[in-house]
Amino acid sequence: MKKLILVAALAAVSTLPAMAQRSFEVGFSSGITNYFGDLGNDSWIQATSTQPGAAITLRNFLGAGGFSGNFYRPFSMEVRLSWNRLQYDESEPIGGRKGFDLRNYGRGIGFRNDLFGTSVHFSYTYYANPRVPLYKQGPAFFVFTGIGAYYGQPKADLFRGDASLDNRYFFWPDGSIRDVAYEGPQTNGNVIDKDGDYETNLAEWMTEGTGYKGEGNSKSTYNFVNIGVPMGIGFRYGVSKKITVSTELGYYMFFTDFLDDVSDQYPTYSEINANFPNDPVKQAMALYISDPTGYGNSGYPGPATSRRGNPAKKDAYSYLNVEIAYKFEFRKGVPRLWGAR
């Protein structure tokens, strides 16, 4: 994985001579992400997963078609640095639905993953007239795809304050979160809110029971750097000779199923005990972290233990954004920031 990141970096650096000779654009975008994965209480789009995202994009650094007399070439390459937050909580109410009115409340898993990525995109843009500056044309439609490397660790908000079983959340059938376990209608407990601190690094707790090697070893069960394939469509508008505004809808497909820490089965009691030998406190913590509501895991393999996720379905997210880009020009090695081309 490190070699892939190094190759991407070298590819970006290799373009610097071209940039020094001609021109390039730097775009700053901000928008929203939506998560697609194993978790969800809606059938397809998880509307409550909407979170922020941002990116810096370097494009058109290979130079315009000066030899052909064109301002723009339809095929282009761009390099992007991005941050996108993925987040979802199956215990949160949706509209008037809460508790077991929600499809997956019994599983009740939540996570947050801040993904930091670097990617190379290849795009095709349809310009009405490639010999005329964009601000004198109508909007230009474009499509893109590419490849990138993305780093992120899924975490969860499972405790009020320090990570201790004394501070855990208890999920009641009515959809409320309380400070004591539900033991029937006669139970009294104070309603509490999650504190919003994603303090628990989920990979450290072997939430699906497999992939652990060696006693006392905190080896994670999956990689934190993963390969993604971005693809999307958009429109670009020329505001002036130097400034363009774009809107883009991208879909980022991954080859991993663990951006949300959920893929296959709950851990069994024997797996938890093997992962944290001779430590009953950590064993109890691991059981709670893998099954926060306590409704999903029987602790033994068999039909009574529901699947935690779908290993055949890989994770993904969408990114809808608005971007403002500025064009920098170089003449004999000197940047030209103002004026016409």
Protein backbone atom coordinates (compact mmCIF):
# COMPACT_ATOMS: atom_id res chain seq x y z
CA MET A 1 0.00 0.00 0.00
CA LYS A 2 2.88 2.35 0.82
CA LYS A 3 4.32 1.67 -2.64
CA LEU A 4 1.02 2.75 -4.24
CA ILE A 5 1.05 6.03 -2.33
CA LEU A 6 4.68 6.60 -3.34
CA VAL A 7 3.87 5.97 -7.01
CA ALA A 8 0.97 8.46 -6.84
CA ALA A 9 3.23 11.07 -5.25
CA LEU A 10 5.95 10.56 -7.86
CA ALA A 11 3.37 10.88 -10.64
CA ALA A 12 2.26 14.22 -9.22
CA VAL A 13 5.85 15.48 -8.83
CA SER A 14 6.70 14.42 -12.39
CA THR A 15 4.17 16.93 -13.70
CA LEU A 16 5.95 19.93 -12.17
CA PRO A 17 8.05 20.68 -15.27
CA ALA A 18 4.87 20.85 -17.35
CA MET A 19 3.30 23.19 -14.83
CA ALA A 20 6.33 25.47 -14.86
CA GLN A 21 6.05 25.80 -18.62
CA ARG A 22 2.39 26.59 -19.00
CA SER A 23 -0.52 27.02 -16.59
CA PHE A 24 -2.61 25.17 -14.06
CA GLU A 25 -5.75 25.56 -11.97
CA VAL A 26 -6.20 25.07 -8.23
CA GLY A 27 -9.72 24.34 -7.07
CA PHE A 28 -11.12 24.42 -3.53
CA SER A 29 -14.33 22.49 -3.00
CA SER A 30 -16.68 21.86 -0.13
CA GLY A 31 -19.78 19.74 0.04
CA ILE A 32 -21.54 16.78 1.61
CA THR A 33 -20.93 13.05 1.72
CA ASN A 34 -23.36 10.16 2.03
CA TYR A 35 -22.32 6.73 3.19
CA PHE A 36 -23.15 3.43 1.44
CA GLY A 37 -22.32 0.26 3.34
CA ASP A 38 -23.53 -2.46 5.69
CA LEU A 39 -25.34 -0.16 8.11
CA GLY A 40 -28.65 1.55 7.52
CA ASN A 41 -32.28 1.87 8.52
CA ASP A 42 -33.45 3.01 5.09
CA SER A 43 -33.62 0.81 2.03
CA TRP A 44 -31.02 2.61 -0.10
CA ILE A 45 -29.85 6.17 0.60
CA GLN A 46 -29.14 6.77 4.28
CA ALA A 47 -30.21 10.42 4.50
CA THR A 48 -29.07 10.73 8.12
CA SER A 49 -25.51 9.81 7.08
CA THR A 50 -24.96 13.22 5.44
CA GLN A 51 -21.65 14.71 6.62
CA PRO A 52 -19.16 17.36 5.44
CA GLY A 53 -16.31 16.96 2.98
CA ALA A 54 -13.67 19.13 1.31
CA ALA A 55 -10.94 18.85 -1.31
CA ILE A 56 -8.12 20.66 -3.09
CA THR A 57 -7.73 19.79 -6.76
CA LEU A 58 -4.89 20.56 -9.16
CA ARG A 59 -5.93 20.34 -12.83
CA ASN A 60 -5.01 21.37 -16.37
CA PHE A 61 -1.33 21.27 -15.43
CA LEU A 62 -0.41 19.50 -18.67
CA GLY A 63 -0.98 22.80 -20.47
CA ALA A 64 -3.56 23.87 -23.00
CA GLY A 65 -3.37 22.83 -26.62
CA GLY A 66 -1.14 25.69 -27.63
CA PHE A 67 0.17 23.90 -30.70
CA SER A 68 -3.35 23.28 -31.99
CA GLY A 69 -4.64 26.74 -31.10
CA ASN A 70 -7.10 25.36 -28.52
CA PHE A 71 -7.58 26.77 -25.06
CA TYR A 72 -8.80 23.42 -23.75
CA ARG A 73 -8.30 19.75 -24.41
CA PRO A 74 -11.27 17.45 -23.77
CA PHE A 75 -9.14 14.82 -22.01
CA SER A 76 -7.33 15.94 -18.88
CA MET A 77 -5.78 14.68 -15.67
CA GLU A 78 -6.10 16.09 -12.17
CA VAL A 79 -4.65 15.38 -8.73
CA ARG A 80 -6.88 15.70 -5.66
CA LEU A 81 -6.28 15.83 -1.90
CA SER A 82 -9.50 15.20 -0.01
CA TRP A 83 -11.13 14.83 3.38
CA ASN A 84 -14.52 13.20 3.68
CA ARG A 85 -16.35 12.23 6.85
CA LEU A 86 -18.39 9.03 6.84
CA GLN A 87 -20.79 8.57 9.73
CA TYR A 88 -23.93 6.64 10.63
CA ASP A 89 -25.77 5.55 13.78
CA GLU A 90 -28.46 2.87 13.62
CA SER A 91 -29.85 3.83 17.04
CA GLU A 92 -30.79 7.39 15.99
CA PRO A 93 -34.50 8.12 15.34
CA ILE A 94 -35.55 8.84 11.76
CA GLY A 95 -38.59 11.07 11.44
CA GLY A 96 -41.22 9.57 13.71
CA ARG A 97 -39.55 6.17 13.85
CA LYS A 98 -37.42 5.05 16.79
CA GLY A 99 -36.53 1.95 18.73
CA PHE A 100 -37.63 -1.28 17.09
CA ASP A 101 -39.63 0.68 14.53
CA LEU A 102 -36.23 1.08 12.88
CA ARG A 103 -35.11 -1.82 10.72
CA ASN A 104 -31.71 -2.31 12.37
CA TYR A 105 -32.19 -0.84 15.84
CA GLY A 106 -31.53 -4.28 17.34
CA ARG A 107 -28.06 -4.18 15.84
CA GLY A 108 -27.65 -0.52 16.78
CA ILE A 109 -24.12 -0.04 15.46
CA GLY A 110 -22.65 3.41 14.82
CA PHE A 111 -19.33 4.71 13.52
CA ARG A 112 -17.40 7.71 12.24
CA ASN A 113 -14.50 7.55 9.81
CA ASP A 114 -12.58 10.62 8.62
CA LEU A 115 -11.05 9.61 5.30
CA PHE A 116 -8.00 11.49 4.03
CA GLY A 117 -7.14 10.67 0.45
CA THR A 118 -4.94 11.43 -2.51
CA SER A 119 -6.19 10.49 -5.96
CA VAL A 120 -5.52 10.90 -9.66
CA HIS A 121 -8.54 11.56 -11.89
CA PHE A 122 -8.89 11.31 -15.65
CA SER A 123 -11.67 13.45 -17.07
CA TYR A 124 -13.40 14.19 -20.34
CA THR A 125 -15.01 17.62 -20.74
CA TYR A 126 -17.34 18.61 -23.51
CA TYR A 127 -16.51 22.20 -24.47
CA ALA A 128 -18.89 23.93 -26.86
CA ASN A 129 -15.86 25.56 -28.51
CA PRO A 130 -12.39 24.55 -27.23
CA ARG A 131 -10.85 27.64 -28.89
CA VAL A 132 -12.97 30.11 -26.92
CA PRO A 133 -12.39 30.97 -23.24
CA LEU A 134 -14.79 29.15 -20.96
CA TYR A 135 -16.37 32.33 -19.58
CA LYS A 136 -17.57 33.12 -23.11
CA GLN A 137 -19.24 29.74 -23.46
CA GLY A 138 -22.10 28.02 -21.69
CA PRO A 139 -21.55 25.45 -18.94
CA ALA A 140 -19.17 22.62 -19.84
CA PHE A 141 -20.26 19.08 -18.92
CA PHE A 142 -17.60 16.63 -17.68
CA VAL A 143 -17.21 13.05 -16.50
CA PHE A 144 -14.29 11.55 -14.59
CA THR A 145 -12.86 8.41 -13.07
CA GLY A 146 -9.55 7.52 -11.46
CA ILE A 147 -7.87 5.79 -8.56
CA GLY A 148 -6.72 6.88 -5.12
CA ALA A 149 -5.42 5.82 -1.71
CA TYR A 150 -7.45 6.78 1.38
CA TYR A 151 -6.55 6.61 5.07
CA GLY A 152 -9.11 6.40 7.86
CA GLN A 153 -9.83 4.58 11.14
CA PRO A 154 -13.45 3.82 12.07
CA LYS A 155 -14.36 4.95 15.58
CA ALA A 156 -17.51 4.94 17.69
CA ASP A 157 -19.18 6.96 20.45
CA LEU A 158 -19.93 4.25 23.03
CA PHE A 159 -19.17 5.88 26.40
CA ARG A 160 -19.99 9.03 28.32
CA GLY A 161 -16.52 10.19 29.16
CA ASP A 162 -13.77 7.62 29.66
CA ALA A 163 -14.00 4.22 27.97
CA SER A 164 -15.30 2.24 30.93
CA LEU A 165 -18.25 -0.10 31.36
CA ASP A 166 -19.43 2.26 34.12
CA ASN A 167 -19.94 4.87 31.38
CA ARG A 168 -21.57 2.71 28.71
CA TYR A 169 -24.88 3.44 27.00
CA PHE A 170 -27.94 1.22 27.48
CA PHE A 171 -30.35 1.03 24.54
CA TRP A 172 -33.97 0.53 25.57
CA PRO A 173 -36.72 -0.95 23.36
CA ASP A 174 -38.50 2.42 23.19
CA GLY A 175 -35.50 3.93 21.41
CA SER A 176 -34.16 5.90 24.37
CA ILE A 177 -30.61 5.69 25.70
CA ARG A 178 -30.34 5.37 29.47
CA ASP A 179 -27.85 4.88 32.28
CA VAL A 180 -29.07 1.42 33.37
CA ALA A 181 -30.00 -1.76 31.54
CA TYR A 182 -33.62 -2.45 30.65
CA GLU A 183 -35.00 -5.33 32.72
CA GLY A 184 -38.71 -4.90 32.15
CA PRO A 185 -41.43 -2.24 32.45
CA GLN A 186 -40.65 -1.73 36.13
CA THR A 187 -37.08 -0.58 35.41
CA ASN A 188 -36.23 3.01 36.25
CA GLY A 189 -33.43 4.74 34.40
CA ASN A 190 -32.39 8.24 33.45
CA VAL A 191 -32.57 9.21 29.80
CA ILE A 192 -29.16 10.37 28.58
CA ASP A 193 -27.69 11.66 25.33
CA LYS A 194 -24.57 10.49 23.58
CA ASP A 195 -21.72 12.92 24.23
CA GLY A 196 -20.57 13.02 20.60
CA ASP A 197 -16.99 12.01 21.43
CA TYR A 198 -15.89 9.17 19.15
CA GLU A 199 -13.43 7.76 21.63
CA THR A 200 -13.39 4.07 20.68
CA ASN A 201 -11.02 2.82 17.99
CA LEU A 202 -13.09 -0.11 16.73
CA ALA A 203 -10.31 -2.10 15.05
CA GLU A 204 -8.53 -2.54 18.39
CA TRP A 205 -11.47 -4.54 19.77
CA MET A 206 -11.71 -7.26 17.10
CA THR A 207 -15.42 -6.64 16.67
CA GLU A 208 -15.81 -9.58 14.31
CA GLY A 209 -13.54 -11.93 16.20
CA THR A 210 -11.09 -12.92 13.48
CA GLY A 211 -7.70 -11.84 12.23
CA TYR A 212 -6.01 -11.66 15.65
CA LYS A 213 -2.50 -13.09 16.04
CA GLY A 214 -0.51 -13.36 19.24
CA GLU A 215 -1.35 -12.78 22.89
CA GLY A 216 -1.11 -9.20 24.03
CA ASN A 217 -0.85 -8.01 20.43
CA SER A 218 -3.09 -5.16 19.28
CA LYS A 219 -2.81 -6.14 15.62
CA SER A 220 -5.74 -4.70 13.69
CA THR A 221 -7.98 -6.95 11.61
CA TYR A 222 -7.89 -4.76 8.52
CA ASN A 223 -5.94 -2.02 6.76
CA PHE A 224 -6.44 1.67 7.47
CA VAL A 225 -5.15 2.64 3.99
CA ASN A 226 -7.44 1.45 1.20
CA ILE A 227 -7.73 1.80 -2.55
CA GLY A 228 -10.77 3.63 -3.91
CA VAL A 229 -12.09 4.27 -7.41
CA PRO A 230 -13.69 7.73 -7.78
CA MET A 231 -16.11 8.40 -10.61
CA GLY A 232 -18.62 11.10 -11.31
CA ILE A 233 -20.16 13.85 -13.41
CA GLY A 234 -20.42 17.61 -13.19
CA PHE A 235 -20.68 21.03 -14.81
CA ARG A 236 -18.07 23.77 -14.95
CA TYR A 237 -18.80 27.48 -15.51
CA GLY A 238 -16.36 30.21 -16.48
CA VAL A 239 -16.91 33.27 -14.28
CA SER A 240 -13.95 35.22 -15.66
CA LYS A 241 -10.65 34.67 -17.42
CA LYS A 242 -9.17 33.32 -14.20
CA ILE A 243 -12.03 31.92 -12.13
CA THR A 244 -14.26 28.93 -12.75
CA VAL A 245 -17.06 27.49 -10.63
CA SER A 246 -17.97 23.81 -10.76
CA THR A 247 -20.54 21.49 -9.26
CA GLU A 248 -19.79 17.77 -9.09
CA LEU A 249 -21.42 14.55 -7.95
CA GLY A 250 -18.91 11.79 -7.32
CA TYR A 251 -19.22 8.18 -6.21
CA TYR A 252 -16.21 6.61 -4.48
CA MET A 253 -16.13 2.81 -4.64
CA PHE A 254 -13.77 0.80 -2.43
CA PHE A 255 -12.32 -2.70 -2.39
CA THR A 256 -12.75 -2.96 1.38
CA ASP A 257 -15.82 -3.72 3.50
CA PHE A 258 -14.39 -2.19 6.67
CA LEU A 259 -14.73 1.57 6.32
CA ASP A 260 -17.59 1.15 8.83
CA ASP A 261 -15.93 -1.71 10.79
CA VAL A 262 -18.80 -4.01 9.76
CA SER A 263 -18.53 -6.91 7.33
CA ASP A 264 -19.55 -10.38 8.46
CA GLN A 265 -20.25 -12.08 11.81
CA TYR A 266 -20.41 -11.14 15.47
CA PRO A 267 -17.52 -12.55 17.52
CA THR A 268 -18.29 -15.63 19.59
CA TYR A 269 -17.54 -15.79 23.30
CA SER A 270 -14.63 -18.15 22.61
CA GLU A 271 -13.14 -15.72 20.08
CA ILE A 272 -13.46 -12.81 22.50
CA ASN A 273 -11.81 -14.83 25.27
CA ALA A 274 -8.98 -15.83 22.92
CA ASN A 275 -8.46 -12.25 21.78
CA PHE A 276 -8.26 -10.91 25.35
CA PRO A 277 -7.07 -13.87 27.45
CA ASN A 278 -7.28 -13.73 31.26
CA ASP A 279 -8.81 -10.24 31.18
CA PRO A 280 -12.54 -10.35 32.02
CA VAL A 281 -12.87 -6.55 31.91
CA LYS A 282 -11.57 -6.33 28.33
CA GLN A 283 -13.68 -9.33 27.38
CA ALA A 284 -16.81 -7.56 28.64
CA MET A 285 -15.75 -4.37 26.86
CA ALA A 286 -15.16 -6.25 23.59
CA LEU A 287 -18.59 -7.88 23.80
CA TYR A 288 -20.29 -4.52 24.35
CA ILE A 289 -18.31 -2.70 21.64
CA SER A 290 -19.11 -5.35 19.03
CA ASP A 291 -22.80 -5.53 20.05
CA PRO A 292 -23.77 -2.19 21.70
CA THR A 293 -27.47 -2.93 22.18
CA GLY A 294 -26.96 -6.50 23.37
CA TYR A 295 -29.69 -7.73 21.02
CA GLY A 296 -27.50 -9.08 18.22
CA ASN A 297 -24.98 -11.56 19.59
CA SER A 298 -25.82 -14.84 21.31
CA GLY A 299 -22.11 -15.59 21.72
CA TYR A 300 -22.26 -18.94 19.99
CA PRO A 301 -22.08 -19.87 16.30
CA GLY A 302 -25.37 -20.85 14.75
CA PRO A 303 -28.70 -19.53 13.47
CA ALA A 304 -29.36 -17.61 16.71
CA THR A 305 -26.42 -15.30 16.03
CA SER A 306 -27.42 -12.83 13.34
CA ARG A 307 -24.94 -11.65 10.76
CA ARG A 308 -23.32 -8.34 11.53
CA GLY A 309 -23.01 -7.34 7.88
CA ASN A 310 -22.80 -8.49 4.28
CA PRO A 311 -19.24 -9.39 3.24
CA ALA A 312 -20.25 -9.46 -0.43
CA LYS A 313 -21.12 -5.74 -0.35
CA LYS A 314 -18.16 -3.36 -0.36
CA ASP A 315 -18.30 0.12 1.16
CA ALA A 316 -18.66 3.38 -0.77
CA TYR A 317 -19.67 7.02 -0.40
CA SER A 318 -20.88 9.89 -2.55
CA TYR A 319 -19.53 13.45 -2.58
CA LEU A 320 -21.66 16.35 -3.83
CA ASN A 321 -19.71 19.60 -3.91
CA VAL A 322 -19.27 23.11 -5.23
CA GLU A 323 -15.79 24.21 -6.27
CA ILE A 324 -14.12 27.53 -7.00
CA ALA A 325 -10.92 27.31 -9.05
CA TYR A 326 -8.29 29.90 -9.91
CA LYS A 327 -6.00 29.71 -12.94
CA PHE A 328 -2.27 30.40 -12.56
CA GLU A 329 -0.19 31.17 -15.65
CA PHE A 330 3.57 30.97 -16.08
CA ARG A 331 5.52 32.92 -18.67
CA LYS A 332 9.22 32.03 -18.79
CA GLY A 333 9.04 30.69 -15.25
CA VAL A 334 7.29 33.75 -13.82
CA PRO A 335 3.72 33.30 -12.56
CA ARG A 336 1.19 35.61 -14.13
CA LEU A 337 -1.65 36.03 -11.66
CA TRP A 338 -3.69 38.82 -13.23
CA GLY A 339 -4.77 39.85 -16.69
CA ALA A 340 -5.73 38.02 -19.83
CA ARG A 341 -4.12 34.92 -21.18
